[in-house]
Amino acid sequence: RLLSWPNSMIRSERLLTSLPTSFLREHALLLGRLGRHEDALRIFYCDLSSMELALEYCDIRHERKEEEGRNVRSSTPSECAYIPLVKVALNADSDPDRGVAAAIQVLALRRNVIDKSAALRLLPKNVPLSEMTRPFLIPAVVENQSQVRR
């Protein structure tokens, strides 16, 4: 809990080197505090085999970015919190089809907050459109259309 609190005064580098290697979740949280989000997500997704923990990590990052965005107006757009997870899913699996399926799952589960164009650019060019249509593209278009009508 202490590691996930954003205002905690912890020397992440020092704690990271002294933690036992079996404390994977703690390692991931410390890597995240150091800004090494892809490494943190690799631990959640690959080492702990948990898409749920990886999504939870991204959700927390997204909420913090949203709050920071409300408090401070930045002229430079920051990277979407879910894009690193898409990258990890695509690169971590030895079976490229499973990696693509996991990436599409992330797109589908967080389609309302993910940077759709950036995420789609990460997918391999040989991914058939039909793989993305039902879980991601159709719901995203319907949601965007309903927002336009409001």
N, C-alpha and C. Protein backbone atom coordinates (compact mmCIF):
# COMPACT_ATOMS: atom_id res chain seq x y z
N ARG A 1 0.81 -1.20 0.00
CA ARG A 1 0.00 0.00 0.00
C ARG A 1 0.85 1.25 0.00
N LEU A 2 1.87 1.24 0.81
CA LEU A 2 2.74 2.41 0.90
C LEU A 2 3.39 2.73 -0.44
N LEU A 3 3.76 1.71 -1.18
CA LEU A 3 4.42 1.92 -2.47
C LEU A 3 3.48 2.51 -3.51
N SER A 4 2.21 2.24 -3.41
CA SER A 4 1.27 2.76 -4.40
C SER A 4 0.77 4.16 -4.05
N TRP A 5 1.11 4.65 -2.89
CA TRP A 5 0.71 6.01 -2.51
C TRP A 5 1.63 7.00 -3.19
N PRO A 6 1.09 7.90 -4.02
CA PRO A 6 1.95 8.76 -4.83
C PRO A 6 2.79 9.77 -4.03
N ASN A 7 2.34 10.15 -2.85
CA ASN A 7 3.06 11.16 -2.08
C ASN A 7 4.03 10.59 -1.06
N SER A 8 4.20 9.28 -1.04
CA SER A 8 5.10 8.69 -0.06
C SER A 8 6.54 9.08 -0.39
N MET A 9 7.29 9.38 0.65
CA MET A 9 8.68 9.81 0.48
C MET A 9 9.59 8.59 0.59
N ILE A 10 9.73 7.89 -0.53
CA ILE A 10 10.53 6.67 -0.57
C ILE A 10 11.64 6.86 -1.60
N ARG A 11 12.81 6.41 -1.27
CA ARG A 11 13.89 6.39 -2.26
C ARG A 11 13.74 5.09 -3.05
N SER A 12 13.05 5.21 -4.14
CA SER A 12 12.69 4.03 -4.93
C SER A 12 13.91 3.26 -5.42
N GLU A 13 14.95 3.97 -5.87
CA GLU A 13 16.14 3.29 -6.39
C GLU A 13 16.78 2.43 -5.31
N ARG A 14 16.89 3.01 -4.12
CA ARG A 14 17.54 2.30 -3.02
C ARG A 14 16.72 1.09 -2.58
N LEU A 15 15.43 1.28 -2.45
CA LEU A 15 14.55 0.19 -2.03
C LEU A 15 14.51 -0.92 -3.08
N LEU A 16 14.55 -0.54 -4.35
CA LEU A 16 14.51 -1.51 -5.44
C LEU A 16 15.71 -2.45 -5.37
N THR A 17 16.88 -1.92 -5.08
CA THR A 17 18.07 -2.76 -5.02
C THR A 17 18.11 -3.65 -3.78
N SER A 18 17.39 -3.26 -2.73
CA SER A 18 17.45 -4.05 -1.50
C SER A 18 16.30 -5.05 -1.36
N LEU A 19 15.29 -4.95 -2.21
CA LEU A 19 14.16 -5.88 -2.14
C LEU A 19 14.54 -7.25 -2.67
N PRO A 20 14.06 -8.30 -2.04
CA PRO A 20 14.28 -9.65 -2.60
C PRO A 20 13.60 -9.77 -3.97
N THR A 21 14.18 -10.56 -4.83
CA THR A 21 13.64 -10.69 -6.19
C THR A 21 12.27 -11.37 -6.22
N SER A 22 11.91 -12.03 -5.15
CA SER A 22 10.60 -12.70 -5.11
C SER A 22 9.45 -11.71 -4.90
N PHE A 23 9.73 -10.49 -4.53
CA PHE A 23 8.70 -9.46 -4.31
C PHE A 23 8.40 -8.78 -5.64
N LEU A 24 7.76 -9.51 -6.54
CA LEU A 24 7.56 -9.01 -7.90
C LEU A 24 6.63 -7.80 -7.96
N ARG A 25 5.54 -7.86 -7.24
CA ARG A 25 4.59 -6.74 -7.29
C ARG A 25 5.23 -5.46 -6.76
N GLU A 26 6.00 -5.59 -5.71
CA GLU A 26 6.68 -4.43 -5.13
C GLU A 26 7.72 -3.88 -6.11
N HIS A 27 8.42 -4.79 -6.78
CA HIS A 27 9.38 -4.36 -7.80
C HIS A 27 8.66 -3.56 -8.89
N ALA A 28 7.52 -4.07 -9.33
CA ALA A 28 6.76 -3.38 -10.38
C ALA A 28 6.33 -1.99 -9.94
N LEU A 29 5.84 -1.88 -8.72
CA LEU A 29 5.40 -0.57 -8.22
C LEU A 29 6.56 0.41 -8.11
N LEU A 30 7.71 -0.08 -7.67
CA LEU A 30 8.89 0.79 -7.59
C LEU A 30 9.38 1.21 -8.97
N LEU A 31 9.37 0.29 -9.91
CA LEU A 31 9.74 0.65 -11.28
C LEU A 31 8.79 1.71 -11.83
N GLY A 32 7.52 1.58 -11.51
CA GLY A 32 6.55 2.59 -11.94
C GLY A 32 6.83 3.95 -11.33
N ARG A 33 7.23 3.96 -10.06
CA ARG A 33 7.58 5.24 -9.40
C ARG A 33 8.79 5.88 -10.06
N LEU A 34 9.66 5.04 -10.64
CA LEU A 34 10.84 5.55 -11.33
C LEU A 34 10.56 5.92 -12.78
N GLY A 35 9.31 5.76 -13.21
CA GLY A 35 8.93 6.10 -14.57
C GLY A 35 9.20 4.99 -15.58
N ARG A 36 9.55 3.82 -15.12
CA ARG A 36 9.83 2.69 -16.00
C ARG A 36 8.58 1.83 -16.12
N HIS A 37 7.57 2.39 -16.77
CA HIS A 37 6.24 1.78 -16.80
C HIS A 37 6.20 0.49 -17.62
N GLU A 38 6.92 0.44 -18.72
CA GLU A 38 6.92 -0.80 -19.50
C GLU A 38 7.54 -1.94 -18.72
N ASP A 39 8.61 -1.66 -17.96
CA ASP A 39 9.23 -2.70 -17.12
C ASP A 39 8.26 -3.16 -16.03
N ALA A 40 7.54 -2.21 -15.45
CA ALA A 40 6.56 -2.56 -14.42
C ALA A 40 5.46 -3.42 -15.01
N LEU A 41 4.97 -3.04 -16.18
CA LEU A 41 3.91 -3.81 -16.83
C LEU A 41 4.39 -5.18 -17.27
N ARG A 42 5.64 -5.29 -17.66
CA ARG A 42 6.21 -6.58 -18.03
C ARG A 42 6.16 -7.54 -16.83
N ILE A 43 6.42 -7.02 -15.64
CA ILE A 43 6.34 -7.86 -14.44
C ILE A 43 4.90 -8.30 -14.21
N PHE A 44 3.96 -7.36 -14.27
CA PHE A 44 2.56 -7.72 -14.03
C PHE A 44 2.05 -8.70 -15.08
N TYR A 45 2.31 -8.38 -16.35
CA TYR A 45 1.73 -9.17 -17.45
C TYR A 45 2.48 -10.48 -17.67
N CYS A 46 3.81 -10.45 -17.68
CA CYS A 46 4.60 -11.66 -18.01
C CYS A 46 4.93 -12.48 -16.77
N ASP A 47 5.59 -11.86 -15.81
CA ASP A 47 6.07 -12.62 -14.65
C ASP A 47 4.94 -13.07 -13.74
N LEU A 48 3.97 -12.20 -13.51
CA LEU A 48 2.83 -12.56 -12.66
C LEU A 48 1.65 -13.11 -13.47
N SER A 49 1.77 -13.08 -14.78
CA SER A 49 0.72 -13.58 -15.70
C SER A 49 -0.66 -13.02 -15.35
N SER A 50 -0.71 -11.71 -15.16
CA SER A 50 -1.97 -11.10 -14.74
C SER A 50 -2.29 -9.86 -15.56
N MET A 51 -3.20 -10.04 -16.49
CA MET A 51 -3.71 -8.89 -17.24
C MET A 51 -4.48 -7.96 -16.31
N GLU A 52 -5.14 -8.54 -15.30
CA GLU A 52 -5.93 -7.73 -14.36
C GLU A 52 -5.03 -6.76 -13.59
N LEU A 53 -3.90 -7.25 -13.08
CA LEU A 53 -2.97 -6.37 -12.35
C LEU A 53 -2.38 -5.31 -13.27
N ALA A 54 -2.08 -5.69 -14.50
CA ALA A 54 -1.53 -4.74 -15.46
C ALA A 54 -2.56 -3.65 -15.78
N LEU A 55 -3.81 -4.05 -15.97
CA LEU A 55 -4.86 -3.06 -16.23
C LEU A 55 -5.11 -2.17 -15.02
N GLU A 56 -5.06 -2.75 -13.83
CA GLU A 56 -5.24 -1.97 -12.61
C GLU A 56 -4.12 -0.92 -12.49
N TYR A 57 -2.90 -1.32 -12.78
CA TYR A 57 -1.76 -0.40 -12.77
C TYR A 57 -2.00 0.75 -13.75
N CYS A 58 -2.44 0.42 -14.97
CA CYS A 58 -2.72 1.44 -15.98
C CYS A 58 -3.88 2.33 -15.57
N ASP A 59 -4.90 1.74 -14.95
CA ASP A 59 -6.05 2.53 -14.48
C ASP A 59 -5.60 3.59 -13.48
N ILE A 60 -4.74 3.19 -12.55
CA ILE A 60 -4.24 4.13 -11.54
C ILE A 60 -3.44 5.24 -12.21
N ARG A 61 -2.57 4.86 -13.15
CA ARG A 61 -1.78 5.88 -13.89
C ARG A 61 -2.70 6.83 -14.64
N HIS A 62 -3.74 6.27 -15.26
CA HIS A 62 -4.68 7.10 -16.02
C HIS A 62 -5.40 8.09 -15.10
N GLU A 63 -5.86 7.61 -13.95
CA GLU A 63 -6.55 8.49 -13.01
C GLU A 63 -5.64 9.61 -12.52
N ARG A 64 -4.39 9.28 -12.24
CA ARG A 64 -3.43 10.31 -11.79
C ARG A 64 -3.19 11.33 -12.88
N LYS A 65 -3.05 10.87 -14.13
CA LYS A 65 -2.84 11.79 -15.24
C LYS A 65 -4.06 12.70 -15.43
N GLU A 66 -5.24 12.12 -15.28
CA GLU A 66 -6.46 12.91 -15.40
C GLU A 66 -6.49 14.01 -14.32
N GLU A 67 -6.15 13.64 -13.10
CA GLU A 67 -6.15 14.60 -12.00
C GLU A 67 -5.10 15.68 -12.21
N GLU A 68 -3.91 15.27 -12.65
CA GLU A 68 -2.86 16.25 -12.94
C GLU A 68 -3.28 17.18 -14.06
N GLY A 69 -3.95 16.64 -15.05
CA GLY A 69 -4.42 17.44 -16.18
C GLY A 69 -5.45 18.48 -15.76
N ARG A 70 -6.25 18.15 -14.76
CA ARG A 70 -7.24 19.11 -14.25
C ARG A 70 -6.56 20.21 -13.45
N ASN A 71 -5.49 19.84 -12.75
CA ASN A 71 -4.80 20.82 -11.89
C ASN A 71 -3.84 21.70 -12.66
N VAL A 72 -3.17 21.14 -13.68
CA VAL A 72 -2.17 21.87 -14.44
C VAL A 72 -2.42 21.67 -15.92
N ARG A 73 -2.51 22.75 -16.64
CA ARG A 73 -2.69 22.67 -18.08
C ARG A 73 -1.33 22.58 -18.74
N SER A 74 -1.09 21.48 -19.42
CA SER A 74 0.20 21.25 -20.07
C SER A 74 0.05 21.44 -21.57
N SER A 75 1.05 22.05 -22.18
CA SER A 75 1.00 22.26 -23.62
C SER A 75 1.45 21.02 -24.38
N THR A 76 2.15 20.10 -23.69
CA THR A 76 2.60 18.87 -24.35
C THR A 76 1.71 17.72 -23.92
N PRO A 77 1.11 17.02 -24.86
CA PRO A 77 0.26 15.89 -24.49
C PRO A 77 1.11 14.73 -23.98
N SER A 78 0.65 14.08 -22.93
CA SER A 78 1.39 12.95 -22.39
C SER A 78 0.86 11.66 -23.02
N GLU A 79 1.70 10.64 -22.97
CA GLU A 79 1.33 9.36 -23.56
C GLU A 79 0.17 8.74 -22.78
N CYS A 80 -0.71 8.12 -23.51
CA CYS A 80 -1.83 7.41 -22.90
C CYS A 80 -1.29 6.33 -21.96
N ALA A 81 -1.89 6.17 -20.81
CA ALA A 81 -1.42 5.23 -19.78
C ALA A 81 -1.52 3.78 -20.23
N TYR A 82 -2.34 3.49 -21.23
CA TYR A 82 -2.55 2.11 -21.66
C TYR A 82 -1.66 1.68 -22.83
N ILE A 83 -1.04 2.62 -23.50
CA ILE A 83 -0.19 2.31 -24.64
C ILE A 83 0.98 1.40 -24.26
N PRO A 84 1.67 1.65 -23.13
CA PRO A 84 2.75 0.73 -22.76
C PRO A 84 2.28 -0.71 -22.57
N LEU A 85 1.06 -0.91 -22.07
CA LEU A 85 0.54 -2.26 -21.91
C LEU A 85 0.30 -2.92 -23.26
N VAL A 86 -0.17 -2.17 -24.23
CA VAL A 86 -0.35 -2.71 -25.58
C VAL A 86 1.01 -3.14 -26.13
N LYS A 87 2.03 -2.30 -25.93
CA LYS A 87 3.39 -2.64 -26.40
C LYS A 87 3.89 -3.91 -25.73
N VAL A 88 3.72 -4.00 -24.42
CA VAL A 88 4.20 -5.17 -23.69
C VAL A 88 3.47 -6.42 -24.16
N ALA A 89 2.16 -6.34 -24.33
CA ALA A 89 1.39 -7.50 -24.78
C ALA A 89 1.85 -7.96 -26.16
N LEU A 90 2.14 -7.03 -27.03
CA LEU A 90 2.56 -7.40 -28.39
C LEU A 90 3.96 -8.01 -28.41
N ASN A 91 4.84 -7.54 -27.54
CA ASN A 91 6.24 -7.98 -27.59
C ASN A 91 6.58 -9.10 -26.63
N ALA A 92 5.77 -9.33 -25.63
CA ALA A 92 6.14 -10.27 -24.57
C ALA A 92 5.84 -11.72 -24.91
N ASP A 93 4.87 -11.94 -25.73
CA ASP A 93 4.44 -13.31 -25.99
C ASP A 93 5.26 -13.95 -27.10
N SER A 94 5.64 -15.20 -26.91
CA SER A 94 6.38 -15.92 -27.95
C SER A 94 5.46 -16.25 -29.13
N ASP A 95 4.17 -16.34 -28.85
CA ASP A 95 3.18 -16.58 -29.91
C ASP A 95 2.59 -15.22 -30.31
N PRO A 96 2.94 -14.72 -31.50
CA PRO A 96 2.46 -13.40 -31.90
C PRO A 96 0.93 -13.28 -31.92
N ASP A 97 0.23 -14.37 -32.24
CA ASP A 97 -1.23 -14.31 -32.27
C ASP A 97 -1.80 -14.06 -30.88
N ARG A 98 -1.23 -14.68 -29.86
CA ARG A 98 -1.69 -14.45 -28.49
C ARG A 98 -1.38 -13.02 -28.05
N GLY A 99 -0.24 -12.49 -28.48
CA GLY A 99 0.11 -11.11 -28.17
C GLY A 99 -0.86 -10.13 -28.79
N VAL A 100 -1.21 -10.38 -30.04
CA VAL A 100 -2.18 -9.51 -30.73
C VAL A 100 -3.54 -9.62 -30.05
N ALA A 101 -3.94 -10.83 -29.68
CA ALA A 101 -5.23 -11.02 -29.01
C ALA A 101 -5.25 -10.27 -27.68
N ALA A 102 -4.15 -10.31 -26.94
CA ALA A 102 -4.08 -9.60 -25.66
C ALA A 102 -4.13 -8.09 -25.88
N ALA A 103 -3.43 -7.61 -26.90
CA ALA A 103 -3.45 -6.18 -27.21
C ALA A 103 -4.86 -5.72 -27.59
N ILE A 104 -5.55 -6.52 -28.39
CA ILE A 104 -6.93 -6.19 -28.79
C ILE A 104 -7.84 -6.22 -27.57
N GLN A 105 -7.58 -7.14 -26.64
CA GLN A 105 -8.36 -7.19 -25.41
C GLN A 105 -8.20 -5.89 -24.62
N VAL A 106 -6.98 -5.38 -24.53
CA VAL A 106 -6.75 -4.10 -23.85
C VAL A 106 -7.52 -2.99 -24.55
N LEU A 107 -7.46 -2.97 -25.88
CA LEU A 107 -8.20 -1.96 -26.65
C LEU A 107 -9.69 -2.05 -26.36
N ALA A 108 -10.21 -3.26 -26.32
CA ALA A 108 -11.64 -3.44 -26.12
C ALA A 108 -12.06 -3.06 -24.70
N LEU A 109 -11.26 -3.45 -23.71
CA LEU A 109 -11.64 -3.20 -22.31
C LEU A 109 -11.54 -1.72 -21.92
N ARG A 110 -10.63 -0.99 -22.56
CA ARG A 110 -10.42 0.42 -22.19
C ARG A 110 -10.63 1.35 -23.38
N ARG A 111 -11.53 0.98 -24.28
CA ARG A 111 -11.73 1.75 -25.50
C ARG A 111 -12.22 3.17 -25.24
N ASN A 112 -12.84 3.40 -24.09
CA ASN A 112 -13.36 4.74 -23.81
C ASN A 112 -12.27 5.71 -23.35
N VAL A 113 -11.10 5.20 -22.94
CA VAL A 113 -10.04 6.08 -22.44
C VAL A 113 -8.72 5.95 -23.20
N ILE A 114 -8.57 4.93 -24.02
CA ILE A 114 -7.30 4.70 -24.71
C ILE A 114 -7.18 5.60 -25.94
N ASP A 115 -5.97 5.96 -26.27
CA ASP A 115 -5.70 6.70 -27.50
C ASP A 115 -5.80 5.69 -28.65
N LYS A 116 -6.94 5.69 -29.29
CA LYS A 116 -7.25 4.66 -30.28
C LYS A 116 -6.28 4.67 -31.46
N SER A 117 -5.98 5.83 -31.98
CA SER A 117 -5.11 5.88 -33.16
C SER A 117 -3.69 5.43 -32.82
N ALA A 118 -3.17 5.83 -31.66
CA ALA A 118 -1.82 5.40 -31.26
C ALA A 118 -1.78 3.89 -31.04
N ALA A 119 -2.82 3.36 -30.43
CA ALA A 119 -2.87 1.92 -30.17
C ALA A 119 -2.97 1.13 -31.47
N LEU A 120 -3.79 1.59 -32.39
CA LEU A 120 -3.93 0.87 -33.67
C LEU A 120 -2.64 0.90 -34.48
N ARG A 121 -1.88 1.99 -34.36
CA ARG A 121 -0.60 2.07 -35.08
C ARG A 121 0.41 1.05 -34.56
N LEU A 122 0.25 0.60 -33.32
CA LEU A 122 1.17 -0.37 -32.74
C LEU A 122 0.92 -1.80 -33.24
N LEU A 123 -0.31 -2.06 -33.65
CA LEU A 123 -0.64 -3.42 -34.10
C LEU A 123 0.09 -3.75 -35.40
N PRO A 124 0.50 -4.99 -35.56
CA PRO A 124 1.17 -5.38 -36.81
C PRO A 124 0.25 -5.15 -38.02
N LYS A 125 0.88 -4.86 -39.14
CA LYS A 125 0.12 -4.56 -40.37
C LYS A 125 -0.68 -5.76 -40.87
N ASN A 126 -0.26 -6.97 -40.50
CA ASN A 126 -0.94 -8.16 -41.02
C ASN A 126 -2.13 -8.60 -40.17
N VAL A 127 -2.51 -7.82 -39.17
CA VAL A 127 -3.68 -8.17 -38.35
C VAL A 127 -4.93 -7.90 -39.18
N PRO A 128 -5.75 -8.92 -39.39
CA PRO A 128 -6.98 -8.71 -40.16
C PRO A 128 -7.94 -7.76 -39.44
N LEU A 129 -8.57 -6.95 -40.21
CA LEU A 129 -9.54 -6.00 -39.67
C LEU A 129 -10.66 -6.73 -38.93
N SER A 130 -10.99 -7.91 -39.38
CA SER A 130 -12.07 -8.68 -38.76
C SER A 130 -11.76 -9.04 -37.31
N GLU A 131 -10.46 -9.18 -36.96
CA GLU A 131 -10.09 -9.48 -35.57
C GLU A 131 -10.41 -8.33 -34.63
N MET A 132 -10.37 -7.11 -35.15
CA MET A 132 -10.60 -5.93 -34.31
C MET A 132 -12.02 -5.41 -34.37
N THR A 133 -12.77 -5.83 -35.36
CA THR A 133 -14.08 -5.23 -35.61
C THR A 133 -15.05 -5.40 -34.46
N ARG A 134 -15.33 -6.63 -34.07
CA ARG A 134 -16.34 -6.87 -33.04
C ARG A 134 -15.89 -6.41 -31.65
N PRO A 135 -14.70 -6.76 -31.18
CA PRO A 135 -14.36 -6.38 -29.81
C PRO A 135 -14.02 -4.91 -29.63
N PHE A 136 -13.57 -4.23 -30.69
CA PHE A 136 -13.05 -2.88 -30.49
C PHE A 136 -13.65 -1.83 -31.42
N LEU A 137 -13.58 -2.04 -32.71
CA LEU A 137 -13.94 -0.98 -33.65
C LEU A 137 -15.42 -0.63 -33.62
N ILE A 138 -16.29 -1.62 -33.70
CA ILE A 138 -17.73 -1.33 -33.71
C ILE A 138 -18.17 -0.63 -32.42
N PRO A 139 -17.81 -1.16 -31.22
CA PRO A 139 -18.19 -0.43 -30.00
C PRO A 139 -17.60 0.98 -29.92
N ALA A 140 -16.37 1.16 -30.39
CA ALA A 140 -15.76 2.48 -30.35
C ALA A 140 -16.49 3.46 -31.26
N VAL A 141 -16.87 3.00 -32.45
CA VAL A 141 -17.61 3.86 -33.38
C VAL A 141 -18.99 4.20 -32.81
N VAL A 142 -19.66 3.22 -32.25
CA VAL A 142 -20.99 3.45 -31.66
C VAL A 142 -20.90 4.46 -30.52
N GLU A 143 -19.88 4.30 -29.64
CA GLU A 143 -19.72 5.23 -28.53
C GLU A 143 -19.43 6.64 -29.03
N ASN A 144 -18.56 6.76 -30.02
CA ASN A 144 -18.24 8.08 -30.56
C ASN A 144 -19.45 8.70 -31.22
N GLN A 145 -20.24 7.90 -31.92
CA GLN A 145 -21.43 8.40 -32.58
C GLN A 145 -22.45 8.89 -31.56
N SER A 146 -22.61 8.16 -30.46
CA SER A 146 -23.56 8.59 -29.44
C SER A 146 -23.09 9.86 -28.74
N GLN A 147 -21.77 10.04 -28.59
CA GLN A 147 -21.25 11.27 -27.99
C GLN A 147 -21.47 12.46 -28.91
N VAL A 148 -21.36 12.24 -30.21
CA VAL A 148 -21.58 13.32 -31.18
C VAL A 148 -23.03 13.76 -31.13
N ARG A 149 -23.94 12.83 -30.97
CA ARG A 149 -25.38 13.17 -30.95
C ARG A 149 -25.78 13.93 -29.70
N ARG A 150 -25.02 13.78 -28.64
CA ARG A 150 -25.37 14.49 -27.38
C ARG A 150 -25.02 15.91 -27.56
